[in-house]
């Protein structure tokens, strides 16, 4: 009989293998590995996130939403998932949801940003040009966020 530690190691090894396969472009093999993990552990947040990423890589953002949302449901503090959700929402053309998810991701990554978002003191540039109003973004747009700075 295996103990919990052995199970955690085998999940981690399977997850790392799936991640490696996904990085090397072996999406179908990665998806098979992830499906095997999720059969045994349907609420494993890392496997759910990678499953969403594989759908994004296949150009299926509507499918990616399912495991990504579930990953957040079982692990609400898994903020990296918000970045992936933001990508899916951009690809689906729902920029409002994309912005909400991106803000949650950035606020966790950079805790001081939250007060700047609330104070509306950030500057934004799209495709290397400052913007001062809401724009419709395209998936290929380059976005830059400038926090307030002091000095001369």
N, C-alpha and C. Protein backbone atom coordinates (compact mmCIF):
# COMPACT_ATOMS: atom_id res chain seq x y z
N UNK A 1 0.85 -1.19 0.00
CA UNK A 1 0.00 0.00 0.00
C UNK A 1 0.89 1.24 0.00
N UNK A 2 0.66 2.15 -0.92
CA UNK A 2 1.49 3.36 -0.98
C UNK A 2 0.94 4.41 -0.03
N UNK A 3 1.84 5.24 0.45
CA UNK A 3 1.40 6.29 1.36
C UNK A 3 1.18 7.59 0.61
N UNK A 4 0.72 8.59 1.34
CA UNK A 4 0.39 9.88 0.73
C UNK A 4 1.61 10.52 0.08
N UNK A 5 2.76 10.40 0.70
CA UNK A 5 3.98 10.99 0.16
C UNK A 5 4.34 10.40 -1.20
N UNK A 6 4.20 9.06 -1.34
CA UNK A 6 4.47 8.42 -2.63
C UNK A 6 3.51 8.91 -3.70
N UNK A 7 2.25 9.09 -3.32
CA UNK A 7 1.23 9.57 -4.25
C UNK A 7 1.57 10.99 -4.70
N UNK A 8 1.97 11.84 -3.75
CA UNK A 8 2.32 13.22 -4.09
C UNK A 8 3.51 13.27 -5.03
N UNK A 9 4.50 12.40 -4.81
CA UNK A 9 5.67 12.35 -5.68
C UNK A 9 5.27 11.89 -7.08
N UNK A 10 4.40 10.88 -7.19
CA UNK A 10 4.01 10.40 -8.50
C UNK A 10 3.16 11.44 -9.25
N UNK A 11 2.31 12.17 -8.54
CA UNK A 11 1.54 13.24 -9.18
C UNK A 11 2.50 14.32 -9.68
N UNK A 12 3.45 14.69 -8.83
CA UNK A 12 4.41 15.73 -9.21
C UNK A 12 5.22 15.30 -10.44
N UNK A 13 5.68 14.05 -10.46
CA UNK A 13 6.45 13.56 -11.60
C UNK A 13 5.61 13.55 -12.87
N UNK A 14 4.37 13.10 -12.77
CA UNK A 14 3.48 13.08 -13.93
C UNK A 14 3.19 14.50 -14.41
N UNK A 15 2.97 15.41 -13.47
CA UNK A 15 2.71 16.81 -13.82
C UNK A 15 3.93 17.41 -14.52
N UNK A 16 5.12 17.18 -13.96
CA UNK A 16 6.34 17.73 -14.57
C UNK A 16 6.57 17.16 -15.96
N UNK A 17 6.26 15.89 -16.14
CA UNK A 17 6.37 15.27 -17.46
C UNK A 17 5.40 15.94 -18.44
N UNK A 18 4.17 16.16 -18.01
CA UNK A 18 3.17 16.81 -18.87
C UNK A 18 3.61 18.23 -19.21
N UNK A 19 4.15 18.95 -18.23
CA UNK A 19 4.63 20.32 -18.47
C UNK A 19 5.76 20.31 -19.49
N UNK A 20 6.67 19.37 -19.36
CA UNK A 20 7.78 19.25 -20.30
C UNK A 20 7.28 18.94 -21.71
N UNK A 21 6.32 18.03 -21.80
CA UNK A 21 5.74 17.70 -23.11
C UNK A 21 5.07 18.92 -23.74
N UNK A 22 4.36 19.67 -22.92
CA UNK A 22 3.66 20.86 -23.42
C UNK A 22 4.67 21.89 -23.92
N UNK A 23 5.74 22.10 -23.15
CA UNK A 23 6.78 23.05 -23.55
C UNK A 23 7.45 22.65 -24.86
N UNK A 24 7.60 21.36 -25.08
CA UNK A 24 8.28 20.89 -26.29
C UNK A 24 7.33 20.77 -27.49
N UNK A 25 6.07 21.16 -27.29
CA UNK A 25 5.11 21.15 -28.38
C UNK A 25 4.40 19.82 -28.57
N UNK A 26 4.63 18.87 -27.69
CA UNK A 26 3.95 17.57 -27.76
C UNK A 26 2.60 17.67 -27.04
N UNK A 27 1.71 18.46 -27.61
CA UNK A 27 0.45 18.80 -26.95
C UNK A 27 -0.43 17.56 -26.74
N UNK A 28 -0.52 16.70 -27.75
CA UNK A 28 -1.38 15.52 -27.60
C UNK A 28 -0.89 14.59 -26.50
N UNK A 29 0.43 14.38 -26.44
CA UNK A 29 0.98 13.54 -25.37
C UNK A 29 0.78 14.19 -24.01
N UNK A 30 0.96 15.50 -23.95
CA UNK A 30 0.75 16.22 -22.68
C UNK A 30 -0.70 16.09 -22.24
N UNK A 31 -1.63 16.24 -23.17
CA UNK A 31 -3.04 16.12 -22.84
C UNK A 31 -3.38 14.72 -22.34
N UNK A 32 -2.77 13.71 -22.93
CA UNK A 32 -3.00 12.34 -22.46
C UNK A 32 -2.50 12.19 -21.02
N UNK A 33 -1.29 12.69 -20.76
CA UNK A 33 -0.73 12.61 -19.40
C UNK A 33 -1.63 13.35 -18.41
N UNK A 34 -2.09 14.53 -18.80
CA UNK A 34 -2.96 15.31 -17.92
C UNK A 34 -4.30 14.62 -17.70
N UNK A 35 -4.84 13.99 -18.73
CA UNK A 35 -6.11 13.29 -18.56
C UNK A 35 -5.96 12.13 -17.59
N UNK A 36 -4.81 11.47 -17.61
CA UNK A 36 -4.56 10.37 -16.66
C UNK A 36 -4.48 10.91 -15.23
N UNK A 37 -3.83 12.04 -15.06
CA UNK A 37 -3.75 12.66 -13.72
C UNK A 37 -5.15 13.03 -13.25
N UNK A 38 -5.91 13.68 -14.14
CA UNK A 38 -7.23 14.19 -13.75
C UNK A 38 -8.26 13.09 -13.56
N UNK A 39 -8.04 11.92 -14.16
CA UNK A 39 -8.93 10.78 -13.89
C UNK A 39 -8.82 10.38 -12.42
N UNK A 40 -7.59 10.36 -11.92
CA UNK A 40 -7.35 9.94 -10.54
C UNK A 40 -7.55 11.08 -9.54
N UNK A 41 -7.21 12.30 -9.99
CA UNK A 41 -7.25 13.46 -9.10
C UNK A 41 -7.93 14.62 -9.84
N UNK A 42 -9.26 14.58 -9.94
CA UNK A 42 -9.99 15.55 -10.77
C UNK A 42 -9.89 17.00 -10.28
N UNK A 43 -9.45 17.20 -9.05
CA UNK A 43 -9.34 18.56 -8.52
C UNK A 43 -7.89 19.01 -8.37
N UNK A 44 -6.97 18.40 -9.09
CA UNK A 44 -5.57 18.76 -8.98
C UNK A 44 -5.35 20.07 -9.75
N UNK A 45 -5.12 21.19 -9.04
CA UNK A 45 -5.11 22.50 -9.70
C UNK A 45 -4.00 22.68 -10.73
N UNK A 46 -2.82 22.12 -10.49
CA UNK A 46 -1.73 22.26 -11.47
C UNK A 46 -2.07 21.57 -12.78
N UNK A 47 -2.63 20.37 -12.68
CA UNK A 47 -3.03 19.64 -13.89
C UNK A 47 -4.17 20.35 -14.61
N UNK A 48 -5.10 20.91 -13.84
CA UNK A 48 -6.19 21.68 -14.45
C UNK A 48 -5.65 22.88 -15.21
N UNK A 49 -4.69 23.59 -14.60
CA UNK A 49 -4.11 24.76 -15.26
C UNK A 49 -3.41 24.36 -16.56
N UNK A 50 -2.60 23.29 -16.50
CA UNK A 50 -1.91 22.85 -17.70
C UNK A 50 -2.90 22.38 -18.77
N UNK A 51 -3.99 21.78 -18.36
CA UNK A 51 -5.01 21.37 -19.31
C UNK A 51 -5.58 22.60 -20.03
N UNK A 52 -5.79 23.67 -19.29
CA UNK A 52 -6.24 24.92 -19.90
C UNK A 52 -5.20 25.48 -20.85
N UNK A 53 -3.94 25.41 -20.45
CA UNK A 53 -2.87 25.92 -21.32
C UNK A 53 -2.78 25.12 -22.62
N UNK A 54 -2.96 23.81 -22.53
CA UNK A 54 -2.90 23.01 -23.75
C UNK A 54 -4.04 23.41 -24.70
N UNK A 55 -5.20 23.70 -24.14
CA UNK A 55 -6.31 24.16 -25.00
C UNK A 55 -6.00 25.52 -25.61
N UNK A 56 -5.35 26.39 -24.85
CA UNK A 56 -4.94 27.69 -25.41
C UNK A 56 -3.95 27.49 -26.55
N UNK A 57 -2.99 26.57 -26.35
CA UNK A 57 -2.00 26.32 -27.40
C UNK A 57 -2.64 25.74 -28.65
N UNK A 58 -3.74 25.03 -28.49
CA UNK A 58 -4.44 24.47 -29.65
C UNK A 58 -5.40 25.48 -30.27
N UNK A 59 -5.45 26.70 -29.71
CA UNK A 59 -6.34 27.72 -30.25
C UNK A 59 -7.78 27.52 -29.86
N UNK A 60 -8.02 26.91 -28.69
CA UNK A 60 -9.39 26.65 -28.23
C UNK A 60 -9.62 27.33 -26.87
N UNK A 61 -9.68 28.66 -26.87
CA UNK A 61 -9.83 29.36 -25.59
C UNK A 61 -11.14 29.06 -24.87
N UNK A 62 -12.21 28.76 -25.64
CA UNK A 62 -13.49 28.46 -24.99
C UNK A 62 -13.40 27.16 -24.19
N UNK A 63 -12.59 26.22 -24.64
CA UNK A 63 -12.38 24.97 -23.91
C UNK A 63 -11.45 25.22 -22.73
N UNK A 64 -10.47 26.09 -22.91
CA UNK A 64 -9.50 26.40 -21.85
C UNK A 64 -10.18 26.96 -20.61
N UNK A 65 -11.26 27.69 -20.80
CA UNK A 65 -11.95 28.31 -19.67
C UNK A 65 -12.42 27.27 -18.64
N UNK A 66 -12.81 26.10 -19.10
CA UNK A 66 -13.39 25.09 -18.20
C UNK A 66 -12.40 24.63 -17.14
N UNK A 67 -11.22 24.10 -17.52
CA UNK A 67 -10.29 23.68 -16.47
C UNK A 67 -9.67 24.85 -15.71
N UNK A 68 -9.49 25.99 -16.37
CA UNK A 68 -8.91 27.13 -15.68
C UNK A 68 -9.84 27.63 -14.57
N UNK A 69 -11.12 27.74 -14.88
CA UNK A 69 -12.08 28.17 -13.85
C UNK A 69 -12.16 27.15 -12.71
N UNK A 70 -12.09 25.87 -13.06
CA UNK A 70 -12.14 24.84 -12.03
C UNK A 70 -10.90 24.90 -11.15
N UNK A 71 -9.74 25.18 -11.75
CA UNK A 71 -8.50 25.30 -10.96
C UNK A 71 -8.64 26.40 -9.91
N UNK A 72 -9.26 27.51 -10.29
CA UNK A 72 -9.48 28.60 -9.33
C UNK A 72 -10.52 28.23 -8.29
N UNK A 73 -11.50 27.44 -8.68
CA UNK A 73 -12.53 27.04 -7.73
C UNK A 73 -11.94 26.16 -6.63
N UNK A 74 -11.04 25.25 -7.00
CA UNK A 74 -10.44 24.36 -6.00
C UNK A 74 -9.23 24.99 -5.30
N UNK A 75 -8.62 26.00 -5.94
CA UNK A 75 -7.45 26.67 -5.35
C UNK A 75 -7.55 28.17 -5.61
N UNK A 76 -8.40 28.88 -4.86
CA UNK A 76 -8.67 30.30 -5.13
C UNK A 76 -7.43 31.20 -5.09
N UNK A 77 -6.38 30.76 -4.42
CA UNK A 77 -5.17 31.59 -4.35
C UNK A 77 -4.14 31.23 -5.42
N UNK A 78 -4.52 30.44 -6.40
CA UNK A 78 -3.62 30.05 -7.48
C UNK A 78 -3.67 31.16 -8.54
N UNK A 79 -3.01 32.27 -8.22
CA UNK A 79 -3.14 33.49 -9.02
C UNK A 79 -2.56 33.39 -10.42
N UNK A 80 -1.64 32.46 -10.63
CA UNK A 80 -1.07 32.30 -11.96
C UNK A 80 -2.16 31.94 -12.97
N UNK A 81 -3.22 31.30 -12.50
CA UNK A 81 -4.32 30.91 -13.38
C UNK A 81 -5.00 32.16 -13.96
N UNK A 82 -5.01 33.26 -13.19
CA UNK A 82 -5.64 34.49 -13.69
C UNK A 82 -4.96 35.00 -14.96
N UNK A 83 -3.64 34.84 -15.03
CA UNK A 83 -2.93 35.25 -16.24
C UNK A 83 -3.42 34.43 -17.43
N UNK A 84 -3.56 33.12 -17.24
CA UNK A 84 -4.02 32.25 -18.31
C UNK A 84 -5.47 32.54 -18.68
N UNK A 85 -6.31 32.81 -17.69
CA UNK A 85 -7.70 33.19 -17.97
C UNK A 85 -7.75 34.49 -18.77
N UNK A 86 -6.88 35.42 -18.43
CA UNK A 86 -6.82 36.68 -19.16
C UNK A 86 -6.52 36.43 -20.63
N UNK A 87 -5.58 35.53 -20.90
CA UNK A 87 -5.24 35.20 -22.29
C UNK A 87 -6.45 34.61 -23.01
N UNK A 88 -7.15 33.71 -22.33
CA UNK A 88 -8.32 33.09 -22.96
C UNK A 88 -9.39 34.13 -23.27
N UNK A 89 -9.64 35.02 -22.31
CA UNK A 89 -10.68 36.05 -22.53
C UNK A 89 -10.30 36.99 -23.67
N UNK A 90 -9.01 37.34 -23.80
CA UNK A 90 -8.58 38.19 -24.92
C UNK A 90 -8.86 37.48 -26.24
N UNK A 91 -8.49 36.21 -26.31
CA UNK A 91 -8.72 35.46 -27.55
C UNK A 91 -10.20 35.33 -27.88
N UNK A 92 -11.04 35.35 -26.85
CA UNK A 92 -12.49 35.27 -27.08
C UNK A 92 -13.12 36.65 -27.31
N UNK A 93 -12.30 37.69 -27.22
CA UNK A 93 -12.79 39.04 -27.46
C UNK A 93 -13.48 39.68 -26.27
N UNK A 94 -13.41 39.07 -25.09
CA UNK A 94 -14.03 39.64 -23.90
C UNK A 94 -12.96 40.36 -23.09
N UNK A 95 -12.68 41.59 -23.50
CA UNK A 95 -11.58 42.34 -22.89
C UNK A 95 -11.90 42.80 -21.48
N UNK A 96 -13.17 42.95 -21.17
CA UNK A 96 -13.56 43.33 -19.80
C UNK A 96 -13.15 42.23 -18.81
N UNK A 97 -13.48 40.99 -19.13
CA UNK A 97 -13.08 39.87 -18.27
C UNK A 97 -11.56 39.71 -18.27
N UNK A 98 -10.94 39.92 -19.43
CA UNK A 98 -9.47 39.82 -19.52
C UNK A 98 -8.81 40.83 -18.58
N UNK A 99 -9.33 42.04 -18.56
CA UNK A 99 -8.77 43.08 -17.70
C UNK A 99 -8.94 42.71 -16.22
N UNK A 100 -10.09 42.21 -15.85
CA UNK A 100 -10.33 41.81 -14.46
C UNK A 100 -9.33 40.74 -14.03
N UNK A 101 -9.15 39.74 -14.87
CA UNK A 101 -8.22 38.65 -14.55
C UNK A 101 -6.78 39.13 -14.51
N UNK A 102 -6.41 39.97 -15.46
CA UNK A 102 -5.04 40.48 -15.49
C UNK A 102 -4.75 41.33 -14.26
N UNK A 103 -5.71 42.14 -13.84
CA UNK A 103 -5.52 42.95 -12.63
C UNK A 103 -5.32 42.05 -11.41
N UNK A 104 -6.13 40.99 -11.29
CA UNK A 104 -5.98 40.08 -10.14
C UNK A 104 -4.60 39.44 -10.15
N UNK A 105 -4.15 39.04 -11.32
CA UNK A 105 -2.82 38.43 -11.43
C UNK A 105 -1.73 39.43 -11.05
N UNK A 106 -1.80 40.63 -11.61
CA UNK A 106 -0.77 41.63 -11.33
C UNK A 106 -0.80 42.11 -9.88
N UNK A 107 -2.00 42.24 -9.31
CA UNK A 107 -2.10 42.66 -7.90
C UNK A 107 -1.47 41.63 -6.97
N UNK A 108 -1.56 40.37 -7.32
CA UNK A 108 -0.91 39.34 -6.50
C UNK A 108 0.60 39.35 -6.72
N UNK A 109 1.01 39.50 -7.96
CA UNK A 109 2.43 39.50 -8.29
C UNK A 109 3.13 40.74 -7.73
N UNK A 110 2.45 41.87 -7.79
CA UNK A 110 2.98 43.16 -7.31
C UNK A 110 1.95 43.78 -6.38
N UNK A 111 1.96 43.42 -5.09
CA UNK A 111 0.92 43.88 -4.15
C UNK A 111 0.72 45.39 -4.11
N UNK A 112 1.77 46.17 -4.32
CA UNK A 112 1.63 47.63 -4.29
C UNK A 112 0.82 48.18 -5.46
N UNK A 113 0.65 47.38 -6.51
CA UNK A 113 -0.12 47.87 -7.67
C UNK A 113 -1.57 48.12 -7.33
N UNK A 114 -2.12 47.36 -6.38
CA UNK A 114 -3.55 47.49 -6.07
C UNK A 114 -3.91 48.93 -5.73
N UNK A 115 -3.10 49.57 -4.89
CA UNK A 115 -3.42 50.96 -4.54
C UNK A 115 -3.30 51.87 -5.76
N UNK A 116 -2.38 51.55 -6.68
CA UNK A 116 -2.24 52.37 -7.89
C UNK A 116 -3.44 52.19 -8.82
N UNK A 117 -3.94 50.95 -8.93
CA UNK A 117 -5.14 50.73 -9.73
C UNK A 117 -6.30 51.53 -9.15
N UNK A 118 -6.41 51.49 -7.80
CA UNK A 118 -7.50 52.19 -7.16
C UNK A 118 -7.38 53.70 -7.29
N UNK A 119 -6.15 54.20 -7.29
CA UNK A 119 -5.94 55.65 -7.38
C UNK A 119 -5.90 56.13 -8.83
N UNK A 120 -5.92 55.18 -9.77
CA UNK A 120 -5.90 55.52 -11.19
C UNK A 120 -4.68 56.37 -11.54
N UNK A 121 -3.51 55.95 -11.07
CA UNK A 121 -2.29 56.72 -11.34
C UNK A 121 -1.34 56.00 -12.30
N UNK A 122 -1.75 54.87 -12.82
CA UNK A 122 -0.91 54.16 -13.77
C UNK A 122 -1.08 54.76 -15.16
N UNK A 123 0.01 54.72 -15.94
CA UNK A 123 -0.06 55.13 -17.34
C UNK A 123 0.05 53.87 -18.18
N UNK A 124 -0.62 53.87 -19.31
CA UNK A 124 -0.62 52.71 -20.18
C UNK A 124 -0.17 53.10 -21.58
N UNK A 125 0.51 52.16 -22.23
CA UNK A 125 0.90 52.34 -23.63
C UNK A 125 0.49 51.08 -24.38
N UNK A 126 0.03 51.28 -25.60
CA UNK A 126 -0.31 50.17 -26.47
C UNK A 126 0.51 50.34 -27.74
N UNK A 127 1.25 49.30 -28.08
CA UNK A 127 2.13 49.33 -29.26
C UNK A 127 3.07 50.54 -29.24
N UNK A 128 3.64 50.76 -28.08
CA UNK A 128 4.66 51.78 -27.83
C UNK A 128 4.14 53.21 -27.98
N UNK A 129 2.83 53.39 -27.81
CA UNK A 129 2.23 54.73 -27.81
C UNK A 129 1.36 54.87 -26.57
N UNK A 130 1.53 55.98 -25.85
CA UNK A 130 0.69 56.21 -24.67
C UNK A 130 -0.77 56.32 -25.08
N UNK A 131 -1.62 55.79 -24.23
CA UNK A 131 -3.06 55.90 -24.46
C UNK A 131 -3.69 56.48 -23.21
N UNK A 132 -4.76 57.22 -23.41
CA UNK A 132 -5.41 57.85 -22.26
C UNK A 132 -6.88 57.45 -22.14
N UNK A 133 -7.34 56.58 -22.99
CA UNK A 133 -8.74 56.16 -22.92
C UNK A 133 -8.83 54.68 -23.19
N UNK A 134 -10.02 54.13 -22.95
CA UNK A 134 -10.22 52.71 -23.21
C UNK A 134 -10.11 52.44 -24.70
N UNK A 135 -9.42 51.37 -25.03
CA UNK A 135 -9.25 50.97 -26.42
C UNK A 135 -9.69 49.53 -26.59
N UNK A 136 -10.08 49.19 -27.79
CA UNK A 136 -10.31 47.78 -28.10
C UNK A 136 -8.96 47.18 -28.47
N UNK A 137 -8.52 46.21 -27.66
CA UNK A 137 -7.23 45.59 -27.90
C UNK A 137 -7.38 44.36 -28.78
N UNK A 138 -6.31 44.10 -29.50
CA UNK A 138 -6.23 42.88 -30.30
C UNK A 138 -5.22 41.95 -29.63
N UNK A 139 -5.33 40.64 -29.83
CA UNK A 139 -4.41 39.71 -29.19
C UNK A 139 -2.94 39.99 -29.49
N UNK A 140 -2.65 40.65 -30.61
CA UNK A 140 -1.25 40.91 -30.97
C UNK A 140 -0.73 42.23 -30.40
N UNK A 141 -1.58 43.03 -29.76
CA UNK A 141 -1.15 44.31 -29.21
C UNK A 141 -0.15 44.12 -28.08
N UNK A 142 0.85 44.98 -28.06
CA UNK A 142 1.83 45.00 -26.97
C UNK A 142 1.37 46.05 -25.96
N UNK A 143 1.29 45.64 -24.69
CA UNK A 143 0.80 46.52 -23.64
C UNK A 143 1.93 46.80 -22.65
N UNK A 144 2.08 48.05 -22.26
CA UNK A 144 3.05 48.42 -21.23
C UNK A 144 2.31 49.19 -20.14
N UNK A 145 2.67 48.90 -18.88
CA UNK A 145 2.07 49.57 -17.73
C UNK A 145 3.18 50.32 -17.01
N UNK A 146 2.96 51.62 -16.78
CA UNK A 146 3.95 52.46 -16.13
C UNK A 146 3.44 52.93 -14.79
N UNK A 147 4.10 52.49 -13.71
CA UNK A 147 3.71 52.98 -12.38
C UNK A 147 4.23 54.41 -12.19
N UNK A 148 3.70 55.10 -11.21
CA UNK A 148 4.22 56.45 -10.95
C UNK A 148 5.67 56.38 -10.50
N UNK A 149 6.46 57.32 -10.96
CA UNK A 149 7.87 57.38 -10.56
C UNK A 149 8.18 58.80 -10.12
N UNK A 150 9.22 58.95 -9.35
CA UNK A 150 9.66 60.29 -8.96
C UNK A 150 11.08 60.47 -9.42
N UNK A 151 11.53 61.67 -9.44
CA UNK A 151 12.88 61.93 -9.86
C UNK A 151 12.90 62.78 -11.12
N UNK A 152 14.07 63.06 -11.60
CA UNK A 152 14.16 63.95 -12.73
C UNK A 152 14.87 63.45 -13.88
